[in-house]
Amino acid sequence: VETPYSQGSYSIEEIPLSKNLNAVYELIQSIAKHENADKGNIMLNGISMGGYGTWDLALRYPKAFKAIAPICGGGDPTKAQRLEGMRIWAFHCEGDQSVPVSGSRDMINALETAGVAAKYTEFAINGHNAWKPALEDVKDPSMIEWLINGISYNVSIEAECQGTACKALSLYRGQSLTVDILPEKGYKTARLYIDGLAVSPV
């Protein structure tokens, strides 16, 4: 992001998308398209100016990312509402003398004011390398576990009965699925498909 890293918060209306960050976004889109990646589960993480970049891309393309984990960065608090529905966990060191901790605090406070849920971990230490404790010291869950646990799976449900019922759901890892077919009496289900696989209706 072409803003001074020592400044903290900035306006994305005044700072255009940088060529480098645009290249990152185009690369993500290209990989998702050509590698048949799940576009609904793209997650973004960056440190320092990459933390700025994480906030920046999420604010500019909020529908492109499932979750973000910006570390010791900053963003545009006035656009916090755009991140509604996105999973967010930010990290920063209290005594960061390179990127001011106000960058993360401003974003988290703006998200809270906008009613957007977010996790924030601030380490009571000096220094800029918040990524080290974020990756090594945070447990239950660790940042990586938190990202993985947020993966959702799109499930298509189809039933052959008196007419055809079809519904698409989004499930998270470890969630169970119950399909209720109504009415309970006088309604026979011939076949039930979950993600195209036939299962025996009970």
C-alpha atoms as a PDB file:
ATOM      1  CA  VAL A   1       0.000   0.000   0.000  1.00  0.00           C
ATOM      2  CA  GLU A   2       1.533   3.296  -1.055  1.00  0.00           C
ATOM      3  CA  THR A   3       1.095   5.019   2.285  1.00  0.00           C
ATOM      4  CA  PRO A   4       3.845   5.690   4.867  1.00  0.00           C
ATOM      5  CA  TYR A   5       4.004   2.633   7.133  1.00  0.00           C
ATOM      6  CA  SER A   6       4.628   4.884  10.135  1.00  0.00           C
ATOM      7  CA  GLN A   7       1.373   6.764   9.558  1.00  0.00           C
ATOM      8  CA  GLY A   8      -1.204   4.166  10.567  1.00  0.00           C
ATOM      9  CA  SER A   9      -4.712   4.680   9.272  1.00  0.00           C
ATOM     10  CA  TYR A  10      -5.292   6.145   5.808  1.00  0.00           C
ATOM     11  CA  SER A  11      -8.073   6.677   3.251  1.00  0.00           C
ATOM     12  CA  ILE A  12      -8.459   4.243   0.343  1.00  0.00           C
ATOM     13  CA  GLU A  13     -10.200   7.048  -1.524  1.00  0.00           C
ATOM     14  CA  GLU A  14      -6.998   9.087  -1.385  1.00  0.00           C
ATOM     15  CA  ILE A  15      -4.560   6.176  -1.812  1.00  0.00           C
ATOM     16  CA  PRO A  16      -5.260   4.216  -5.012  1.00  0.00           C
ATOM     17  CA  LEU A  17      -4.680   0.496  -5.275  1.00  0.00           C
ATOM     18  CA  SER A  18      -0.947   0.001  -5.837  1.00  0.00           C
ATOM     19  CA  LYS A  19       0.371  -1.865  -8.882  1.00  0.00           C
ATOM     20  CA  ASN A  20       2.003  -4.463  -6.672  1.00  0.00           C
ATOM     21  CA  LEU A  21      -1.129  -5.131  -4.650  1.00  0.00           C
ATOM     22  CA  ASN A  22      -3.229  -5.265  -7.801  1.00  0.00           C
ATOM     23  CA  ALA A  23      -0.798  -7.878  -9.149  1.00  0.00           C
ATOM     24  CA  VAL A  24      -1.341  -9.935  -5.984  1.00  0.00           C
ATOM     25  CA  TYR A  25      -5.112  -9.708  -6.403  1.00  0.00           C
ATOM     26  CA  GLU A  26      -4.941 -10.704 -10.078  1.00  0.00           C
ATOM     27  CA  LEU A  27      -2.677 -13.641  -9.180  1.00  0.00           C
ATOM     28  CA  ILE A  28      -5.182 -14.838  -6.565  1.00  0.00           C
ATOM     29  CA  GLN A  29      -8.005 -14.625  -9.112  1.00  0.00           C
ATOM     30  CA  SER A  30      -5.951 -16.448 -11.739  1.00  0.00           C
ATOM     31  CA  ILE A  31      -5.017 -19.286  -9.386  1.00  0.00           C
ATOM     32  CA  ALA A  32      -8.618 -19.619  -8.219  1.00  0.00           C
ATOM     33  CA  LYS A  33      -9.783 -19.893 -11.817  1.00  0.00           C
ATOM     34  CA  HIS A  34      -7.146 -22.170 -13.309  1.00  0.00           C
ATOM     35  CA  GLU A  35      -6.515 -24.424 -10.316  1.00  0.00           C
ATOM     36  CA  ASN A  36     -10.231 -24.933  -9.638  1.00  0.00           C
ATOM     37  CA  ALA A  37      -9.856 -23.432  -6.178  1.00  0.00           C
ATOM     38  CA  ASP A  38     -12.879 -22.827  -3.965  1.00  0.00           C
ATOM     39  CA  LYS A  39     -13.518 -19.109  -4.364  1.00  0.00           C
ATOM     40  CA  GLY A  40     -15.740 -19.147  -1.291  1.00  0.00           C
ATOM     41  CA  ASN A  41     -12.837 -20.033   1.003  1.00  0.00           C
ATOM     42  CA  ILE A  42     -10.028 -17.663   0.002  1.00  0.00           C
ATOM     43  CA  MET A  43      -8.203 -16.333   3.067  1.00  0.00           C
ATOM     44  CA  LEU A  44      -5.702 -13.521   3.286  1.00  0.00           C
ATOM     45  CA  ASN A  45      -2.807 -12.935   5.675  1.00  0.00           C
ATOM     46  CA  GLY A  46       0.041 -10.429   5.625  1.00  0.00           C
ATOM     47  CA  ILE A  47       2.580  -8.863   7.937  1.00  0.00           C
ATOM     48  CA  SER A  48       3.771  -5.257   8.262  1.00  0.00           C
ATOM     49  CA  MET A  49       3.089  -3.594   4.893  1.00  0.00           C
ATOM     50  CA  GLY A  50       1.515  -6.945   4.055  1.00  0.00           C
ATOM     51  CA  GLY A  51      -0.774  -6.263   7.007  1.00  0.00           C
ATOM     52  CA  TYR A  52      -1.688  -2.996   5.320  1.00  0.00           C
ATOM     53  CA  GLY A  53      -2.180  -4.937   2.096  1.00  0.00           C
ATOM     54  CA  THR A  54      -4.460  -7.444   3.819  1.00  0.00           C
ATOM     55  CA  TRP A  55      -6.751  -4.715   5.139  1.00  0.00           C
ATOM     56  CA  ASP A  56      -6.570  -2.862   1.808  1.00  0.00           C
ATOM     57  CA  LEU A  57      -7.569  -5.770  -0.449  1.00  0.00           C
ATOM     58  CA  ALA A  58     -10.321  -6.848   1.954  1.00  0.00           C
ATOM     59  CA  LEU A  59     -11.781  -3.336   2.014  1.00  0.00           C
ATOM     60  CA  ARG A  60     -11.606  -2.967  -1.779  1.00  0.00           C
ATOM     61  CA  TYR A  61     -12.835  -6.504  -2.576  1.00  0.00           C
ATOM     62  CA  PRO A  62     -14.814  -7.650   0.472  1.00  0.00           C
ATOM     63  CA  LYS A  63     -16.668 -10.374  -1.438  1.00  0.00           C
ATOM     64  CA  ALA A  64     -13.414 -11.988  -2.575  1.00  0.00           C
ATOM     65  CA  PHE A  65     -12.227 -13.176   0.845  1.00  0.00           C
ATOM     66  CA  LYS A  66     -13.658 -15.484   3.483  1.00  0.00           C
ATOM     67  CA  ALA A  67     -11.251 -14.463   6.240  1.00  0.00           C
ATOM     68  CA  ILE A  68      -8.325 -12.147   6.896  1.00  0.00           C
ATOM     69  CA  ALA A  69      -5.532 -12.160   9.473  1.00  0.00           C
ATOM     70  CA  PRO A  70      -3.643  -8.848   9.196  1.00  0.00           C
ATOM     71  CA  ILE A  71      -0.556  -8.577  11.405  1.00  0.00           C
ATOM     72  CA  CYS A  72       0.834  -5.176  12.479  1.00  0.00           C
ATOM     73  CA  GLY A  73      -0.821  -3.213   9.680  1.00  0.00           C
ATOM     74  CA  GLY A  74      -3.411  -0.499   9.237  1.00  0.00           C
ATOM     75  CA  GLY A  75      -6.346   0.343   7.012  1.00  0.00           C
ATOM     76  CA  ASP A  76      -9.210   2.727   6.378  1.00  0.00           C
ATOM     77  CA  PRO A  77     -11.513   2.712   9.443  1.00  0.00           C
ATOM     78  CA  THR A  78     -14.196   4.698   7.611  1.00  0.00           C
ATOM     79  CA  LYS A  79     -14.868   1.665   5.393  1.00  0.00           C
ATOM     80  CA  ALA A  80     -15.112  -0.908   8.195  1.00  0.00           C
ATOM     81  CA  GLN A  81     -18.760  -1.705   7.435  1.00  0.00           C
ATOM     82  CA  ARG A  82     -17.672  -3.299   4.143  1.00  0.00           C
ATOM     83  CA  LEU A  83     -16.156  -6.205   6.077  1.00  0.00           C
ATOM     84  CA  GLU A  84     -19.455  -7.369   7.539  1.00  0.00           C
ATOM     85  CA  GLY A  85     -19.686 -11.161   7.390  1.00  0.00           C
ATOM     86  CA  MET A  86     -15.937 -11.634   6.949  1.00  0.00           C
ATOM     87  CA  ARG A  87     -13.957 -13.526   9.592  1.00  0.00           C
ATOM     88  CA  ILE A  88     -11.257 -11.229  10.995  1.00  0.00           C
ATOM     89  CA  TRP A  89      -8.405 -11.732  13.446  1.00  0.00           C
ATOM     90  CA  ALA A  90      -5.835  -8.937  13.718  1.00  0.00           C
ATOM     91  CA  PHE A  91      -2.554  -8.877  15.669  1.00  0.00           C
ATOM     92  CA  HIS A  92      -0.170  -6.130  16.785  1.00  0.00           C
ATOM     93  CA  CYS A  93       2.486  -5.428  19.416  1.00  0.00           C
ATOM     94  CA  GLU A  94       1.669  -2.721  21.928  1.00  0.00           C
ATOM     95  CA  GLY A  95       5.122  -1.152  21.611  1.00  0.00           C
ATOM     96  CA  ASP A  96       5.528  -1.311  17.832  1.00  0.00           C
ATOM     97  CA  GLN A  97       7.785   1.591  16.852  1.00  0.00           C
ATOM     98  CA  SER A  98       7.663   0.884  13.105  1.00  0.00           C
ATOM     99  CA  VAL A  99       3.946   0.554  12.360  1.00  0.00           C
ATOM    100  CA  PRO A 100       1.929   2.293  15.089  1.00  0.00           C
ATOM    101  CA  VAL A 101      -0.446   0.050  17.005  1.00  0.00           C
ATOM    102  CA  SER A 102      -3.112   2.702  16.370  1.00  0.00           C
ATOM    103  CA  GLY A 103      -3.443   1.257  12.840  1.00  0.00           C
ATOM    104  CA  SER A 104      -4.890  -1.993  14.173  1.00  0.00           C
ATOM    105  CA  ARG A 105      -6.739  -0.352  17.055  1.00  0.00           C
ATOM    106  CA  ASP A 106      -8.450   2.109  14.706  1.00  0.00           C
ATOM    107  CA  MET A 107      -9.682  -0.720  12.473  1.00  0.00           C
ATOM    108  CA  ILE A 108     -10.886  -2.874  15.371  1.00  0.00           C
ATOM    109  CA  ASN A 109     -12.669   0.058  17.055  1.00  0.00           C
ATOM    110  CA  ALA A 110     -14.327   0.991  13.752  1.00  0.00           C
ATOM    111  CA  LEU A 111     -15.450  -2.605  13.205  1.00  0.00           C
ATOM    112  CA  GLU A 112     -16.895  -2.744  16.723  1.00  0.00           C
ATOM    113  CA  THR A 113     -18.731   0.553  16.177  1.00  0.00           C
ATOM    114  CA  ALA A 114     -20.118  -0.779  12.893  1.00  0.00           C
ATOM    115  CA  GLY A 115     -21.297  -3.975  14.585  1.00  0.00           C
ATOM    116  CA  VAL A 116     -18.843  -6.137  12.642  1.00  0.00           C
ATOM    117  CA  ALA A 117     -17.420  -9.044  14.645  1.00  0.00           C
ATOM    118  CA  ALA A 118     -13.625  -9.305  14.813  1.00  0.00           C
ATOM    119  CA  LYS A 119     -10.933 -10.874  16.982  1.00  0.00           C
ATOM    120  CA  TYR A 120      -7.969  -8.793  18.078  1.00  0.00           C
ATOM    121  CA  THR A 121      -4.839  -9.858  19.913  1.00  0.00           C
ATOM    122  CA  GLU A 122      -2.432  -7.203  21.125  1.00  0.00           C
ATOM    123  CA  PHE A 123       0.842  -8.385  22.629  1.00  0.00           C
ATOM    124  CA  ALA A 124       2.130  -6.401  25.627  1.00  0.00           C
ATOM    125  CA  ILE A 125       5.653  -6.286  24.232  1.00  0.00           C
ATOM    126  CA  ASN A 126       7.829  -3.902  22.258  1.00  0.00           C
ATOM    127  CA  GLY A 127       8.974  -4.503  18.725  1.00  0.00           C
ATOM    128  CA  HIS A 128       7.534  -4.861  15.261  1.00  0.00           C
ATOM    129  CA  ASN A 129       7.592  -8.633  14.825  1.00  0.00           C
ATOM    130  CA  ALA A 130       4.073  -9.429  16.027  1.00  0.00           C
ATOM    131  CA  TRP A 131       4.015 -12.338  13.569  1.00  0.00           C
ATOM    132  CA  LYS A 132       6.330 -14.372  15.817  1.00  0.00           C
ATOM    133  CA  PRO A 133       4.034 -14.493  18.874  1.00  0.00           C
ATOM    134  CA  ALA A 134       0.979 -14.619  16.608  1.00  0.00           C
ATOM    135  CA  LEU A 135       2.238 -17.836  15.033  1.00  0.00           C
ATOM    136  CA  GLU A 136       4.049 -19.375  17.998  1.00  0.00           C
ATOM    137  CA  ASP A 137       2.373 -18.262  21.214  1.00  0.00           C
ATOM    138  CA  VAL A 138      -1.343 -18.048  20.417  1.00  0.00           C
ATOM    139  CA  LYS A 139      -3.094 -21.357  21.135  1.00  0.00           C
ATOM    140  CA  ASP A 140      -6.622 -22.760  21.402  1.00  0.00           C
ATOM    141  CA  PRO A 141      -7.013 -22.093  18.588  1.00  0.00           C
ATOM    142  CA  SER A 142      -3.829 -21.081  16.869  1.00  0.00           C
ATOM    143  CA  MET A 143      -4.195 -18.610  14.017  1.00  0.00           C
ATOM    144  CA  ILE A 144      -3.787 -21.394  11.442  1.00  0.00           C
ATOM    145  CA  GLU A 145      -6.383 -23.569  13.196  1.00  0.00           C
ATOM    146  CA  TRP A 146      -8.752 -20.601  13.312  1.00  0.00           C
ATOM    147  CA  LEU A 147      -8.368 -20.073   9.576  1.00  0.00           C
ATOM    148  CA  ILE A 148      -8.903 -23.757   8.777  1.00  0.00           C
ATOM    149  CA  ASN A 149     -11.887 -24.044  11.128  1.00  0.00           C
ATOM    150  CA  GLY A 150     -13.549 -21.251   9.182  1.00  0.00           C
ATOM    151  CA  ILE A 151     -13.626 -23.206   5.937  1.00  0.00           C
ATOM    152  CA  SER A 152     -17.187 -23.774   4.785  1.00  0.00           C
ATOM    153  CA  TYR A 153     -18.488 -26.350   2.354  1.00  0.00           C
ATOM    154  CA  ASN A 154     -21.328 -25.703  -0.044  1.00  0.00           C
ATOM    155  CA  VAL A 155     -23.752 -28.605   0.007  1.00  0.00           C
ATOM    156  CA  SER A 156     -26.529 -29.119  -2.503  1.00  0.00           C
ATOM    157  CA  ILE A 157     -29.528 -31.123  -1.323  1.00  0.00           C
ATOM    158  CA  GLU A 158     -32.030 -32.593  -3.764  1.00  0.00           C
ATOM    159  CA  ALA A 159     -34.965 -34.883  -3.040  1.00  0.00           C
ATOM    160  CA  GLU A 160     -37.131 -36.817  -5.474  1.00  0.00           C
ATOM    161  CA  CYS A 161     -40.600 -37.036  -4.052  1.00  0.00           C
ATOM    162  CA  GLN A 162     -43.924 -35.434  -4.888  1.00  0.00           C
ATOM    163  CA  GLY A 163     -42.185 -32.850  -6.975  1.00  0.00           C
ATOM    164  CA  THR A 164     -38.515 -32.024  -6.467  1.00  0.00           C
ATOM    165  CA  ALA A 165     -37.064 -30.169  -3.502  1.00  0.00           C
ATOM    166  CA  CYS A 166     -33.671 -28.542  -3.841  1.00  0.00           C
ATOM    167  CA  LYS A 167     -31.705 -26.536  -1.325  1.00  0.00           C
ATOM    168  CA  ALA A 168     -28.113 -25.324  -1.028  1.00  0.00           C
ATOM    169  CA  LEU A 169     -26.470 -24.974   2.378  1.00  0.00           C
ATOM    170  CA  SER A 170     -23.113 -23.756   3.622  1.00  0.00           C
ATOM    171  CA  LEU A 171     -21.560 -25.881   6.356  1.00  0.00           C
ATOM    172  CA  TYR A 172     -18.451 -25.378   8.452  1.00  0.00           C
ATOM    173  CA  ARG A 173     -15.867 -28.021   9.156  1.00  0.00           C
ATOM    174  CA  GLY A 174     -17.140 -30.507  11.720  1.00  0.00           C
ATOM    175  CA  GLN A 175     -20.786 -29.453  11.444  1.00  0.00           C
ATOM    176  CA  SER A 176     -23.426 -32.148  11.091  1.00  0.00           C
ATOM    177  CA  LEU A 177     -26.225 -31.983   8.562  1.00  0.00           C
ATOM    178  CA  THR A 178     -29.863 -32.832   9.183  1.00  0.00           C
ATOM    179  CA  VAL A 179     -32.396 -32.843   6.364  1.00  0.00           C
ATOM    180  CA  ASP A 180     -36.027 -32.603   7.435  1.00  0.00           C
ATOM    181  CA  ILE A 181     -38.629 -33.599   4.855  1.00  0.00           C
ATOM    182  CA  LEU A 182     -42.153 -32.455   5.607  1.00  0.00           C
ATOM    183  CA  PRO A 183     -44.895 -33.414   6.086  1.00  0.00           C
ATOM    184  CA  GLU A 184     -43.844 -36.422   8.110  1.00  0.00           C
ATOM    185  CA  LYS A 185     -46.839 -38.528   7.015  1.00  0.00           C
ATOM    186  CA  GLY A 186     -48.147 -39.242   3.571  1.00  0.00           C
ATOM    187  CA  TYR A 187     -44.988 -37.992   1.926  1.00  0.00           C
ATOM    188  CA  LYS A 188     -42.609 -40.562   0.493  1.00  0.00           C
ATOM    189  CA  THR A 189     -39.095 -39.609  -0.493  1.00  0.00           C
ATOM    190  CA  ALA A 190     -37.838 -41.762  -3.335  1.00  0.00           C
ATOM    191  CA  ARG A 191     -34.232 -40.580  -3.387  1.00  0.00           C
ATOM    192  CA  LEU A 192     -32.107 -38.080  -1.539  1.00  0.00           C
ATOM    193  CA  TYR A 193     -28.896 -36.589  -2.927  1.00  0.00           C
ATOM    194  CA  ILE A 194     -26.281 -34.668  -0.993  1.00  0.00           C
ATOM    195  CA  ASP A 195     -23.710 -33.015  -3.219  1.00  0.00           C
ATOM    196  CA  GLY A 196     -24.822 -35.295  -6.028  1.00  0.00           C
ATOM    197  CA  LEU A 197     -24.332 -38.495  -4.012  1.00  0.00           C
ATOM    198  CA  ALA A 198     -27.385 -40.667  -3.371  1.00  0.00           C
ATOM    199  CA  VAL A 199     -28.074 -41.423   0.306  1.00  0.00           C
ATOM    200  CA  SER A 200     -30.805 -43.488   1.909  1.00  0.00           C
ATOM    201  CA  PRO A 201     -33.549 -41.301   3.372  1.00  0.00           C
ATOM    202  CA  VAL A 202     -34.511 -42.162   6.954  1.00  0.00           C
END
